[in-house]
C-alpha cells in the first residue's frame, strides 16, 4: 500500500518538510501539468492516471489536496482518506472566499494565496510559481463543489483550531490547537502522528475519538 500525499492549491510537494519523510511508503505528489480540467472530479481522475493510484492505496491531502483526495477515494472506493485543513463540501469554506471565487480570473495568484492561507515565506514563493490557469480553474471548481458521497467513518479529519480559510468543522477527528490553515506545514509532527494512527485504523485497528493535540 502506498500513501499518496497531495499539496494545497498553488503549493507543491515541497510544503511537506521534516518529519514528513518518516511517513512509511509515502509519495509526495506535485500537480501534473494543467490540461484544461474544470472540475475536481476531472483532476482526481487525472491524478489517478498519472500517479497510478489504486484501490489498495491510501490518500492524504491538504486544503484543495484534501478535497481531491476525497474525490479519489470515492472514485476508487478506498478504505480510508485523510483531510488536512480541508473540506468535505464547498459550504465548509469561508463564505467570503467562495463569493470571491469569480474574481479568480482577475487576480489568480492573489486569490490562491488567500485560499491557501499564506502570503509570504517558502509557501508564498511556491504560490508565485503556480500555474495561474490551474489556480483559476480550481478556485471556481471549489466554489461549485457539492462534495461526494464517501462514508464519514472512512474519513480522518485533521484541522487547525484557528483556520480562517476553512473554519474548523464540528466533526473533526484531530484538532491542532493554535493551528491555522497550513497545519501540514506549521505542525508536521502532529499531522504525521495522526496519519500514522489513521493508517493503523485502516489496517484493522480500533478507531479513536475526537482529540486535541
N, C-alpha and C. Protein backbone atom coordinates (compact mmCIF):
# COMPACT_ATOMS: atom_id res chain seq x y z
N UNK A 1 0.84 -1.20 0.00
CA UNK A 1 0.00 0.00 0.00
C UNK A 1 0.87 1.25 0.00
N UNK A 2 0.61 2.15 -0.92
CA UNK A 2 1.33 3.42 -1.00
C UNK A 2 0.45 4.53 -0.44
N UNK A 3 1.06 5.46 0.27
CA UNK A 3 0.35 6.63 0.77
C UNK A 3 0.68 7.82 -0.12
N UNK A 4 -0.30 8.32 -0.86
CA UNK A 4 -0.11 9.47 -1.73
C UNK A 4 -0.53 10.73 -0.97
N UNK A 5 0.37 11.72 -0.92
CA UNK A 5 0.13 12.94 -0.16
C UNK A 5 0.05 14.12 -1.14
N UNK A 6 -1.12 14.77 -1.21
CA UNK A 6 -1.37 15.84 -2.17
C UNK A 6 -1.18 17.21 -1.50
N UNK A 7 -0.61 18.18 -2.22
CA UNK A 7 -0.41 19.53 -1.66
C UNK A 7 -1.67 20.37 -1.74
N UNK A 8 -1.57 21.60 -1.24
CA UNK A 8 -2.67 22.54 -1.35
C UNK A 8 -2.64 23.28 -2.67
N UNK A 9 -3.65 24.11 -2.90
CA UNK A 9 -3.72 24.87 -4.14
C UNK A 9 -2.52 25.79 -4.28
N UNK A 10 -1.86 25.71 -5.42
CA UNK A 10 -0.72 26.58 -5.67
C UNK A 10 0.56 26.13 -5.02
N UNK A 11 0.49 25.12 -4.16
CA UNK A 11 1.69 24.62 -3.48
C UNK A 11 2.25 23.42 -4.24
N UNK A 12 3.36 22.89 -3.72
CA UNK A 12 3.99 21.70 -4.31
C UNK A 12 4.32 20.73 -3.18
N UNK A 13 4.95 19.64 -3.54
CA UNK A 13 5.36 18.66 -2.55
C UNK A 13 6.37 19.23 -1.55
N UNK A 14 6.97 20.38 -1.89
CA UNK A 14 7.95 21.00 -1.01
C UNK A 14 7.32 21.53 0.28
N UNK A 15 5.99 21.58 0.35
CA UNK A 15 5.36 22.02 1.59
C UNK A 15 5.49 20.97 2.70
N UNK A 16 5.84 19.75 2.31
CA UNK A 16 5.94 18.67 3.28
C UNK A 16 7.40 18.47 3.72
N UNK A 17 7.78 19.27 4.71
CA UNK A 17 9.14 19.21 5.24
C UNK A 17 9.22 18.15 6.33
N UNK A 18 10.43 17.98 6.90
CA UNK A 18 10.59 17.03 8.01
C UNK A 18 9.59 17.36 9.12
N UNK A 19 9.01 16.33 9.75
CA UNK A 19 9.34 14.91 9.67
C UNK A 19 8.46 14.12 8.70
N UNK A 20 7.95 14.75 7.66
CA UNK A 20 7.05 14.05 6.74
C UNK A 20 7.73 12.84 6.08
N UNK A 21 9.04 12.89 5.91
CA UNK A 21 9.72 11.77 5.26
C UNK A 21 9.64 10.48 6.07
N UNK A 22 9.27 10.60 7.33
CA UNK A 22 9.15 9.42 8.19
C UNK A 22 7.87 8.63 7.91
N UNK A 23 6.96 9.22 7.14
CA UNK A 23 5.72 8.53 6.81
C UNK A 23 6.03 7.38 5.87
N UNK A 24 5.71 6.18 6.30
CA UNK A 24 6.13 4.98 5.58
C UNK A 24 5.46 4.86 4.21
N UNK A 25 6.26 4.48 3.21
CA UNK A 25 5.76 4.23 1.85
C UNK A 25 4.95 5.40 1.29
N UNK A 26 5.44 6.61 1.55
CA UNK A 26 4.71 7.81 1.10
C UNK A 26 5.29 8.38 -0.19
N UNK A 27 4.40 8.85 -1.05
CA UNK A 27 4.78 9.56 -2.28
C UNK A 27 4.19 10.96 -2.17
N UNK A 28 5.04 11.98 -2.24
CA UNK A 28 4.58 13.36 -2.13
C UNK A 28 4.39 13.92 -3.54
N UNK A 29 3.15 14.19 -3.85
CA UNK A 29 2.72 14.46 -5.22
C UNK A 29 2.83 15.94 -5.57
N UNK A 30 3.25 16.23 -6.80
CA UNK A 30 3.15 17.57 -7.39
C UNK A 30 2.00 17.56 -8.38
N UNK A 31 1.37 18.71 -8.56
CA UNK A 31 0.27 18.78 -9.52
C UNK A 31 0.79 18.50 -10.93
N UNK A 32 0.13 17.64 -11.69
CA UNK A 32 0.55 17.41 -13.07
C UNK A 32 0.29 18.65 -13.91
N UNK A 33 0.96 18.81 -15.05
CA UNK A 33 0.71 19.96 -15.92
C UNK A 33 -0.79 20.10 -16.21
N UNK A 34 -1.27 21.31 -16.13
CA UNK A 34 -2.70 21.57 -16.32
C UNK A 34 -3.10 21.35 -17.77
N UNK A 35 -4.18 20.60 -17.97
CA UNK A 35 -4.65 20.30 -19.33
C UNK A 35 -6.13 20.67 -19.51
N UNK A 36 -6.56 21.71 -18.84
CA UNK A 36 -7.91 22.22 -19.05
C UNK A 36 -8.98 21.62 -18.16
N UNK A 37 -8.61 20.86 -17.13
CA UNK A 37 -9.61 20.29 -16.22
C UNK A 37 -10.40 21.41 -15.53
N UNK A 38 -11.70 21.23 -15.44
CA UNK A 38 -12.55 22.28 -14.87
C UNK A 38 -13.28 21.88 -13.61
N UNK A 39 -13.22 20.61 -13.22
CA UNK A 39 -13.89 20.15 -12.00
C UNK A 39 -12.91 19.35 -11.16
N UNK A 40 -13.25 19.19 -9.88
CA UNK A 40 -12.40 18.39 -9.00
C UNK A 40 -12.38 16.93 -9.44
N UNK A 41 -13.50 16.46 -9.95
CA UNK A 41 -13.54 15.08 -10.44
C UNK A 41 -12.57 14.89 -11.61
N UNK A 42 -12.50 15.88 -12.50
CA UNK A 42 -11.57 15.81 -13.63
C UNK A 42 -10.13 15.68 -13.14
N UNK A 43 -9.75 16.51 -12.17
CA UNK A 43 -8.38 16.49 -11.67
C UNK A 43 -8.12 15.19 -10.91
N UNK A 44 -9.10 14.73 -10.14
CA UNK A 44 -8.94 13.47 -9.41
C UNK A 44 -8.68 12.31 -10.37
N UNK A 45 -9.44 12.27 -11.46
CA UNK A 45 -9.26 11.20 -12.45
C UNK A 45 -7.87 11.29 -13.08
N UNK A 46 -7.42 12.51 -13.33
CA UNK A 46 -6.08 12.71 -13.90
C UNK A 46 -5.00 12.23 -12.95
N UNK A 47 -5.16 12.54 -11.66
CA UNK A 47 -4.17 12.12 -10.67
C UNK A 47 -4.12 10.60 -10.55
N UNK A 48 -5.27 9.96 -10.58
CA UNK A 48 -5.32 8.50 -10.53
C UNK A 48 -4.52 7.91 -11.67
N UNK A 49 -4.68 8.51 -12.85
CA UNK A 49 -3.98 8.00 -14.04
C UNK A 49 -2.48 8.29 -13.98
N UNK A 50 -2.12 9.53 -13.67
CA UNK A 50 -0.72 9.93 -13.70
C UNK A 50 0.09 9.24 -12.59
N UNK A 51 -0.49 9.20 -11.38
CA UNK A 51 0.23 8.64 -10.23
C UNK A 51 0.01 7.13 -10.08
N UNK A 52 -0.90 6.57 -10.89
CA UNK A 52 -1.22 5.15 -10.82
C UNK A 52 -1.72 4.75 -9.43
N UNK A 53 -2.64 5.54 -8.92
CA UNK A 53 -3.25 5.26 -7.62
C UNK A 53 -4.25 4.13 -7.79
N UNK A 54 -4.21 3.17 -6.88
CA UNK A 54 -5.10 2.01 -6.98
C UNK A 54 -5.94 1.86 -5.71
N UNK A 55 -6.87 0.93 -5.76
CA UNK A 55 -7.81 0.77 -4.66
C UNK A 55 -7.14 0.41 -3.34
N UNK A 56 -5.98 -0.23 -3.38
CA UNK A 56 -5.30 -0.61 -2.15
C UNK A 56 -4.48 0.49 -1.53
N UNK A 57 -4.45 1.67 -2.14
CA UNK A 57 -3.62 2.76 -1.64
C UNK A 57 -4.37 3.64 -0.65
N UNK A 58 -3.64 4.59 -0.13
CA UNK A 58 -4.12 5.50 0.91
C UNK A 58 -3.84 6.91 0.43
N UNK A 59 -4.80 7.83 0.54
CA UNK A 59 -4.61 9.19 0.01
C UNK A 59 -4.83 10.22 1.11
N UNK A 60 -3.89 11.17 1.18
CA UNK A 60 -3.90 12.26 2.15
C UNK A 60 -3.83 13.56 1.37
N UNK A 61 -4.50 14.60 1.83
CA UNK A 61 -4.40 15.87 1.12
C UNK A 61 -4.66 17.07 2.00
N UNK A 62 -3.94 18.17 1.71
CA UNK A 62 -4.11 19.43 2.42
C UNK A 62 -4.97 20.38 1.59
N UNK A 63 -5.96 21.01 2.23
CA UNK A 63 -6.77 22.04 1.58
C UNK A 63 -7.38 21.50 0.28
N UNK A 64 -7.06 22.10 -0.88
CA UNK A 64 -7.55 21.57 -2.16
C UNK A 64 -7.15 20.11 -2.33
N UNK A 65 -5.94 19.77 -1.89
CA UNK A 65 -5.48 18.39 -2.00
C UNK A 65 -6.36 17.42 -1.23
N UNK A 66 -6.92 17.87 -0.10
CA UNK A 66 -7.83 17.03 0.66
C UNK A 66 -9.14 16.80 -0.07
N UNK A 67 -9.64 17.84 -0.71
CA UNK A 67 -10.88 17.69 -1.48
C UNK A 67 -10.67 16.71 -2.63
N UNK A 68 -9.50 16.81 -3.26
CA UNK A 68 -9.20 15.88 -4.36
C UNK A 68 -8.93 14.47 -3.83
N UNK A 69 -8.35 14.37 -2.65
CA UNK A 69 -8.17 13.05 -2.03
C UNK A 69 -9.52 12.40 -1.80
N UNK A 70 -10.49 13.20 -1.38
CA UNK A 70 -11.84 12.68 -1.14
C UNK A 70 -12.49 12.23 -2.45
N UNK A 71 -12.28 13.00 -3.52
CA UNK A 71 -12.80 12.61 -4.84
C UNK A 71 -12.15 11.31 -5.30
N UNK A 72 -10.84 11.19 -5.11
CA UNK A 72 -10.14 9.97 -5.50
C UNK A 72 -10.66 8.78 -4.69
N UNK A 73 -10.84 8.98 -3.39
CA UNK A 73 -11.34 7.91 -2.53
C UNK A 73 -12.70 7.42 -2.98
N UNK A 74 -13.56 8.36 -3.39
CA UNK A 74 -14.89 7.98 -3.86
C UNK A 74 -14.83 7.24 -5.19
N UNK A 75 -13.95 7.70 -6.09
CA UNK A 75 -13.83 7.05 -7.40
C UNK A 75 -13.29 5.63 -7.28
N UNK A 76 -12.37 5.42 -6.34
CA UNK A 76 -11.72 4.11 -6.22
C UNK A 76 -12.28 3.27 -5.07
N UNK A 77 -13.22 3.84 -4.31
CA UNK A 77 -13.79 3.14 -3.16
C UNK A 77 -12.69 2.72 -2.18
N UNK A 78 -11.86 3.69 -1.79
CA UNK A 78 -10.77 3.42 -0.87
C UNK A 78 -11.29 3.14 0.54
N UNK A 79 -10.45 2.52 1.35
CA UNK A 79 -10.85 2.19 2.71
C UNK A 79 -10.80 3.40 3.63
N UNK A 80 -9.92 4.33 3.36
CA UNK A 80 -9.70 5.46 4.27
C UNK A 80 -9.07 6.61 3.51
N UNK A 81 -9.39 7.83 3.92
CA UNK A 81 -8.78 9.03 3.35
C UNK A 81 -8.56 10.03 4.47
N UNK A 82 -7.50 10.84 4.36
CA UNK A 82 -7.21 11.83 5.40
C UNK A 82 -7.28 13.24 4.80
N UNK A 83 -8.04 14.12 5.44
CA UNK A 83 -8.16 15.51 5.03
C UNK A 83 -7.44 16.37 6.06
N UNK A 84 -6.52 17.22 5.60
CA UNK A 84 -5.77 18.12 6.49
C UNK A 84 -6.17 19.55 6.17
N UNK A 85 -6.84 20.22 7.10
CA UNK A 85 -7.27 21.58 6.84
C UNK A 85 -8.08 21.68 5.57
N UNK A 86 -8.97 20.72 5.37
CA UNK A 86 -9.70 20.63 4.11
C UNK A 86 -11.20 20.56 4.37
N UNK A 87 -11.96 20.43 3.29
CA UNK A 87 -13.42 20.47 3.37
C UNK A 87 -14.03 19.25 2.71
N UNK A 88 -15.24 18.91 3.16
CA UNK A 88 -15.99 17.82 2.55
C UNK A 88 -16.97 18.34 1.50
N UNK A 89 -17.20 19.65 1.50
CA UNK A 89 -18.08 20.29 0.51
C UNK A 89 -17.81 21.78 0.55
N UNK A 90 -18.25 22.50 -0.49
CA UNK A 90 -17.93 23.91 -0.62
C UNK A 90 -18.46 24.75 0.52
N UNK A 91 -19.58 24.36 1.09
CA UNK A 91 -20.20 25.17 2.15
C UNK A 91 -19.33 25.26 3.41
N UNK A 92 -18.31 24.39 3.54
CA UNK A 92 -17.41 24.47 4.70
C UNK A 92 -16.33 25.52 4.51
N UNK A 93 -16.12 25.98 3.29
CA UNK A 93 -15.13 27.01 3.01
C UNK A 93 -15.69 28.37 3.43
N UNK A 94 -14.83 29.24 3.94
CA UNK A 94 -15.23 30.58 4.33
C UNK A 94 -16.12 31.21 3.25
N UNK A 95 -17.30 31.68 3.65
CA UNK A 95 -18.29 32.16 2.69
C UNK A 95 -17.76 33.31 1.85
N UNK A 96 -16.93 34.17 2.43
CA UNK A 96 -16.40 35.31 1.68
C UNK A 96 -15.43 34.86 0.59
N UNK A 97 -14.69 33.78 0.86
CA UNK A 97 -13.79 33.26 -0.16
C UNK A 97 -14.56 32.61 -1.29
N UNK A 98 -15.68 31.94 -0.95
CA UNK A 98 -16.50 31.34 -2.00
C UNK A 98 -17.09 32.43 -2.89
N UNK A 99 -17.51 33.53 -2.28
CA UNK A 99 -18.08 34.62 -3.06
C UNK A 99 -17.01 35.31 -3.91
N UNK A 100 -15.74 35.23 -3.47
CA UNK A 100 -14.65 35.87 -4.21
C UNK A 100 -14.16 35.02 -5.37
N UNK A 101 -14.56 33.75 -5.42
CA UNK A 101 -14.05 32.84 -6.45
C UNK A 101 -14.22 33.37 -7.87
N UNK A 102 -15.35 34.03 -8.22
CA UNK A 102 -15.48 34.55 -9.59
C UNK A 102 -14.42 35.59 -9.96
N UNK A 103 -13.71 36.15 -8.95
CA UNK A 103 -12.65 37.12 -9.23
C UNK A 103 -11.34 36.46 -9.60
N UNK A 104 -11.28 35.13 -9.49
CA UNK A 104 -10.03 34.41 -9.74
C UNK A 104 -9.42 34.73 -11.10
N UNK A 105 -10.19 34.87 -12.19
CA UNK A 105 -9.56 35.19 -13.48
C UNK A 105 -8.85 36.54 -13.48
N UNK A 106 -9.22 37.44 -12.54
CA UNK A 106 -8.61 38.76 -12.49
C UNK A 106 -7.35 38.77 -11.63
N UNK A 107 -7.37 38.05 -10.52
CA UNK A 107 -6.23 38.03 -9.60
C UNK A 107 -5.96 36.60 -9.15
N UNK A 108 -5.59 35.71 -10.05
CA UNK A 108 -5.48 34.28 -9.70
C UNK A 108 -4.50 33.97 -8.59
N UNK A 109 -3.29 34.53 -8.65
CA UNK A 109 -2.31 34.19 -7.63
C UNK A 109 -2.66 34.81 -6.29
N UNK A 110 -3.17 36.04 -6.31
CA UNK A 110 -3.58 36.67 -5.06
C UNK A 110 -4.69 35.89 -4.38
N UNK A 111 -5.67 35.45 -5.15
CA UNK A 111 -6.78 34.69 -4.58
C UNK A 111 -6.30 33.34 -4.08
N UNK A 112 -5.41 32.70 -4.82
CA UNK A 112 -4.93 31.39 -4.38
C UNK A 112 -4.17 31.50 -3.06
N UNK A 113 -3.47 32.62 -2.86
CA UNK A 113 -2.76 32.81 -1.61
C UNK A 113 -3.75 32.98 -0.46
N UNK A 114 -4.84 33.69 -0.71
CA UNK A 114 -5.87 33.84 0.32
C UNK A 114 -6.50 32.49 0.62
N UNK A 115 -6.85 31.74 -0.43
CA UNK A 115 -7.44 30.42 -0.23
C UNK A 115 -6.48 29.48 0.48
N UNK A 116 -5.20 29.67 0.25
CA UNK A 116 -4.20 28.83 0.88
C UNK A 116 -3.80 29.30 2.26
N UNK A 117 -4.23 30.49 2.64
CA UNK A 117 -3.93 31.00 3.96
C UNK A 117 -2.48 31.44 4.12
N UNK A 118 -1.87 31.96 3.05
CA UNK A 118 -0.45 32.30 3.10
C UNK A 118 -0.17 33.51 2.23
N UNK A 119 0.84 34.29 2.62
CA UNK A 119 1.21 35.43 1.80
C UNK A 119 2.72 35.60 1.66
N UNK A 120 3.51 34.86 2.43
CA UNK A 120 4.95 35.04 2.37
C UNK A 120 5.67 33.74 2.72
N UNK A 121 7.01 33.80 2.75
CA UNK A 121 7.81 32.65 3.12
C UNK A 121 7.92 31.64 1.99
N UNK A 122 8.39 30.43 2.34
CA UNK A 122 8.59 29.39 1.34
C UNK A 122 7.30 29.03 0.62
N UNK A 123 6.20 28.93 1.36
CA UNK A 123 4.92 28.61 0.72
C UNK A 123 4.51 29.73 -0.22
N UNK A 124 4.73 30.97 0.19
CA UNK A 124 4.40 32.10 -0.67
C UNK A 124 5.15 32.05 -1.99
N UNK A 125 6.42 31.64 -1.95
CA UNK A 125 7.20 31.53 -3.18
C UNK A 125 6.66 30.42 -4.09
N UNK A 126 6.16 29.35 -3.49
CA UNK A 126 5.53 28.30 -4.30
C UNK A 126 4.33 28.85 -5.05
N UNK A 127 3.54 29.65 -4.36
CA UNK A 127 2.34 30.21 -4.98
C UNK A 127 2.69 31.11 -6.15
N UNK A 128 3.79 31.86 -6.03
CA UNK A 128 4.19 32.74 -7.11
C UNK A 128 4.56 31.97 -8.37
N UNK A 129 4.93 30.69 -8.21
CA UNK A 129 5.32 29.86 -9.35
C UNK A 129 4.18 28.99 -9.86
N UNK A 130 3.01 29.10 -9.24
CA UNK A 130 1.88 28.26 -9.61
C UNK A 130 1.35 28.63 -10.99
N UNK A 131 0.77 27.65 -11.68
CA UNK A 131 0.15 27.88 -12.99
C UNK A 131 -1.14 28.66 -12.76
N UNK A 132 -1.24 29.90 -13.22
CA UNK A 132 -2.44 30.70 -12.97
C UNK A 132 -3.71 30.12 -13.57
N UNK A 133 -3.59 29.40 -14.69
CA UNK A 133 -4.78 28.79 -15.29
C UNK A 133 -5.34 27.70 -14.38
N UNK A 134 -4.46 26.92 -13.77
CA UNK A 134 -4.89 25.89 -12.83
C UNK A 134 -5.53 26.52 -11.60
N UNK A 135 -4.92 27.60 -11.10
CA UNK A 135 -5.45 28.29 -9.92
C UNK A 135 -6.85 28.83 -10.20
N UNK A 136 -7.04 29.45 -11.35
CA UNK A 136 -8.35 29.98 -11.71
C UNK A 136 -9.39 28.86 -11.78
N UNK A 137 -9.05 27.80 -12.49
CA UNK A 137 -10.00 26.69 -12.67
C UNK A 137 -10.37 26.06 -11.34
N UNK A 138 -9.39 25.86 -10.45
CA UNK A 138 -9.67 25.20 -9.18
C UNK A 138 -10.39 26.13 -8.20
N UNK A 139 -10.12 27.43 -8.26
CA UNK A 139 -10.86 28.37 -7.41
C UNK A 139 -12.35 28.32 -7.74
N UNK A 140 -12.65 28.30 -9.03
CA UNK A 140 -14.04 28.22 -9.46
C UNK A 140 -14.64 26.85 -9.16
N UNK A 141 -13.84 25.79 -9.33
CA UNK A 141 -14.34 24.43 -9.09
C UNK A 141 -14.68 24.21 -7.62
N UNK A 142 -13.83 24.72 -6.73
CA UNK A 142 -14.08 24.56 -5.29
C UNK A 142 -15.38 25.26 -4.90
N UNK A 143 -15.59 26.46 -5.42
CA UNK A 143 -16.80 27.22 -5.06
C UNK A 143 -18.08 26.50 -5.48
N UNK A 144 -17.99 25.67 -6.50
CA UNK A 144 -19.17 24.98 -7.03
C UNK A 144 -19.27 23.52 -6.57
N UNK A 145 -18.30 23.08 -5.79
CA UNK A 145 -18.19 21.67 -5.43
C UNK A 145 -19.26 21.27 -4.42
N UNK A 146 -19.95 20.20 -4.68
CA UNK A 146 -21.00 19.71 -3.78
C UNK A 146 -20.52 18.57 -2.89
N UNK A 147 -19.26 18.20 -3.02
CA UNK A 147 -18.74 17.09 -2.24
C UNK A 147 -19.08 15.76 -2.89
N UNK A 148 -18.75 14.68 -2.18
CA UNK A 148 -19.02 13.34 -2.70
C UNK A 148 -19.64 12.49 -1.58
N UNK A 149 -20.31 11.43 -1.99
CA UNK A 149 -20.96 10.56 -1.02
C UNK A 149 -20.04 9.50 -0.47
N UNK A 150 -18.93 9.92 0.14
CA UNK A 150 -17.99 8.97 0.72
C UNK A 150 -18.30 8.80 2.20
N UNK A 151 -18.31 7.57 2.73
CA UNK A 151 -18.72 7.35 4.13
C UNK A 151 -17.87 8.13 5.13
N UNK A 152 -18.53 8.82 6.05
CA UNK A 152 -17.81 9.62 7.05
C UNK A 152 -16.89 8.77 7.90
N UNK A 153 -17.27 7.53 8.20
CA UNK A 153 -16.44 6.68 9.04
C UNK A 153 -15.12 6.29 8.36
N UNK A 154 -15.02 6.54 7.07
CA UNK A 154 -13.79 6.23 6.33
C UNK A 154 -12.93 7.47 6.11
N UNK A 155 -13.28 8.56 6.78
CA UNK A 155 -12.55 9.83 6.64
C UNK A 155 -11.94 10.21 7.97
N UNK A 156 -10.65 10.57 7.96
CA UNK A 156 -9.99 11.14 9.13
C UNK A 156 -9.74 12.61 8.83
N UNK A 157 -10.22 13.48 9.73
CA UNK A 157 -10.07 14.92 9.52
C UNK A 157 -9.11 15.51 10.55
N UNK A 158 -8.08 16.19 10.07
CA UNK A 158 -7.11 16.89 10.91
C UNK A 158 -7.26 18.38 10.60
N UNK A 159 -7.38 19.20 11.63
CA UNK A 159 -7.72 20.60 11.36
C UNK A 159 -7.12 21.52 12.43
N UNK A 160 -6.69 22.71 12.02
CA UNK A 160 -6.21 23.71 12.95
C UNK A 160 -7.37 24.44 13.61
N UNK A 161 -7.24 24.71 14.88
CA UNK A 161 -8.33 25.38 15.61
C UNK A 161 -8.54 26.82 15.18
N UNK A 162 -7.52 27.41 14.53
CA UNK A 162 -7.60 28.82 14.11
C UNK A 162 -7.60 28.96 12.60
N UNK A 163 -8.10 27.99 11.91
CA UNK A 163 -8.17 28.04 10.45
C UNK A 163 -9.28 29.01 10.04
N UNK A 164 -8.90 30.06 9.33
CA UNK A 164 -9.88 31.05 8.87
C UNK A 164 -10.36 30.77 7.45
N UNK A 165 -9.57 30.02 6.69
CA UNK A 165 -9.93 29.70 5.31
C UNK A 165 -11.05 28.67 5.27
N UNK A 166 -10.88 27.60 6.05
CA UNK A 166 -11.93 26.59 6.23
C UNK A 166 -12.12 26.46 7.74
N UNK A 167 -13.01 27.25 8.33
CA UNK A 167 -13.18 27.22 9.79
C UNK A 167 -13.39 25.80 10.30
N UNK A 168 -12.77 25.50 11.44
CA UNK A 168 -12.76 24.15 11.98
C UNK A 168 -14.17 23.57 12.09
N UNK A 169 -14.49 22.52 11.32
CA UNK A 169 -15.82 21.91 11.37
C UNK A 169 -16.07 21.18 12.69
N UNK A 170 -17.32 20.87 12.96
CA UNK A 170 -17.68 20.20 14.21
C UNK A 170 -17.24 18.74 14.26
N UNK A 171 -17.08 18.12 13.10
CA UNK A 171 -16.83 16.68 13.08
C UNK A 171 -15.36 16.32 12.88
N UNK A 172 -14.45 17.24 13.23
CA UNK A 172 -13.02 16.98 13.07
C UNK A 172 -12.57 15.91 14.06
N UNK A 173 -11.68 15.03 13.62
CA UNK A 173 -11.17 13.95 14.47
C UNK A 173 -9.98 14.39 15.31
N UNK A 174 -9.08 15.18 14.72
CA UNK A 174 -7.91 15.68 15.43
C UNK A 174 -7.84 17.19 15.25
N UNK A 175 -7.99 17.94 16.34
CA UNK A 175 -7.91 19.39 16.31
C UNK A 175 -6.53 19.81 16.82
N UNK A 176 -5.79 20.54 16.00
CA UNK A 176 -4.46 21.00 16.38
C UNK A 176 -4.59 22.41 16.95
N UNK A 177 -4.36 22.55 18.25
CA UNK A 177 -4.54 23.82 18.94
C UNK A 177 -3.63 24.90 18.35
N UNK A 178 -4.22 26.02 18.03
CA UNK A 178 -3.46 27.15 17.52
C UNK A 178 -3.09 27.05 16.06
N UNK A 179 -3.41 25.94 15.42
CA UNK A 179 -3.06 25.75 14.03
C UNK A 179 -3.94 26.56 13.10
N UNK A 180 -3.34 27.12 12.06
CA UNK A 180 -4.10 27.82 11.05
C UNK A 180 -4.41 26.90 9.88
N UNK A 181 -4.55 27.47 8.69
CA UNK A 181 -4.92 26.67 7.54
C UNK A 181 -3.80 25.75 7.08
N UNK A 182 -2.55 26.14 7.31
CA UNK A 182 -1.41 25.37 6.82
C UNK A 182 -0.82 24.48 7.91
N UNK A 183 -1.65 23.72 8.60
CA UNK A 183 -1.15 22.89 9.70
C UNK A 183 -0.18 21.81 9.21
N UNK A 184 -0.33 21.36 7.98
CA UNK A 184 0.60 20.36 7.46
C UNK A 184 2.02 20.91 7.40
N UNK A 185 2.14 22.22 7.23
CA UNK A 185 3.42 22.90 7.14
C UNK A 185 3.90 23.39 8.50
N UNK A 186 2.97 23.91 9.31
CA UNK A 186 3.34 24.50 10.60
C UNK A 186 3.41 23.49 11.74
N UNK A 187 2.65 22.39 11.64
CA UNK A 187 2.59 21.38 12.70
C UNK A 187 2.78 19.98 12.09
N UNK A 188 3.92 19.74 11.44
CA UNK A 188 4.10 18.47 10.74
C UNK A 188 4.10 17.24 11.65
N UNK A 189 4.70 17.34 12.82
CA UNK A 189 4.78 16.18 13.71
C UNK A 189 3.40 15.70 14.13
N UNK A 190 2.53 16.65 14.48
CA UNK A 190 1.17 16.29 14.89
C UNK A 190 0.40 15.65 13.75
N UNK A 191 0.59 16.19 12.53
CA UNK A 191 -0.10 15.63 11.37
C UNK A 191 0.38 14.23 11.06
N UNK A 192 1.69 14.03 11.07
CA UNK A 192 2.24 12.71 10.76
C UNK A 192 1.75 11.68 11.79
N UNK A 193 1.75 12.03 13.06
CA UNK A 193 1.28 11.11 14.10
C UNK A 193 -0.17 10.72 13.87
N UNK A 194 -1.02 11.72 13.52
CA UNK A 194 -2.44 11.44 13.29
C UNK A 194 -2.64 10.55 12.07
N UNK A 195 -1.83 10.77 11.03
CA UNK A 195 -1.94 9.96 9.82
C UNK A 195 -1.50 8.53 10.10
N UNK A 196 -0.44 8.37 10.85
CA UNK A 196 0.02 7.03 11.21
C UNK A 196 -1.06 6.27 11.97
N UNK A 197 -1.78 6.98 12.85
CA UNK A 197 -2.88 6.34 13.57
C UNK A 197 -4.00 5.96 12.61
N UNK A 198 -4.30 6.83 11.65
CA UNK A 198 -5.33 6.52 10.67
C UNK A 198 -4.95 5.31 9.84
N UNK A 199 -3.68 5.19 9.50
CA UNK A 199 -3.20 4.02 8.76
C UNK A 199 -3.39 2.74 9.57
N UNK A 200 -3.09 2.83 10.85
CA UNK A 200 -3.29 1.65 11.70
C UNK A 200 -4.77 1.30 11.79
N UNK A 201 -5.63 2.31 11.91
CA UNK A 201 -7.07 2.06 11.97
C UNK A 201 -7.56 1.40 10.68
N UNK A 202 -7.06 1.89 9.54
CA UNK A 202 -7.48 1.34 8.26
C UNK A 202 -7.02 -0.10 8.07
N UNK A 203 -5.97 -0.47 8.81
CA UNK A 203 -5.45 -1.83 8.72
C UNK A 203 -6.11 -2.79 9.71
N UNK A 204 -7.10 -2.26 10.42
CA UNK A 204 -7.85 -3.15 11.32
C UNK A 204 -7.86 -2.75 12.76
N UNK A 205 -7.15 -1.65 13.11
CA UNK A 205 -7.15 -1.20 14.49
C UNK A 205 -8.43 -0.47 14.83
N UNK A 206 -8.65 -0.25 16.10
CA UNK A 206 -9.86 0.46 16.56
C UNK A 206 -9.73 1.93 16.25
N UNK A 207 -10.83 2.56 15.89
CA UNK A 207 -10.83 3.99 15.61
C UNK A 207 -10.79 4.75 16.91
N UNK A 208 -10.26 5.97 16.86
CA UNK A 208 -10.14 6.80 18.06
C UNK A 208 -11.18 7.90 18.07
N UNK A 209 -11.52 8.41 19.27
CA UNK A 209 -12.46 9.52 19.39
C UNK A 209 -11.77 10.81 19.00
N UNK A 210 -12.58 11.88 18.87
CA UNK A 210 -12.01 13.19 18.54
C UNK A 210 -11.00 13.57 19.60
N UNK A 211 -9.92 14.26 19.21
CA UNK A 211 -8.88 14.62 20.16
C UNK A 211 -8.25 15.94 19.79
N UNK A 212 -7.64 16.58 20.80
CA UNK A 212 -6.89 17.80 20.60
C UNK A 212 -5.42 17.48 20.77
N UNK A 213 -4.57 18.09 19.92
CA UNK A 213 -3.13 17.90 20.06
C UNK A 213 -2.43 19.25 19.98
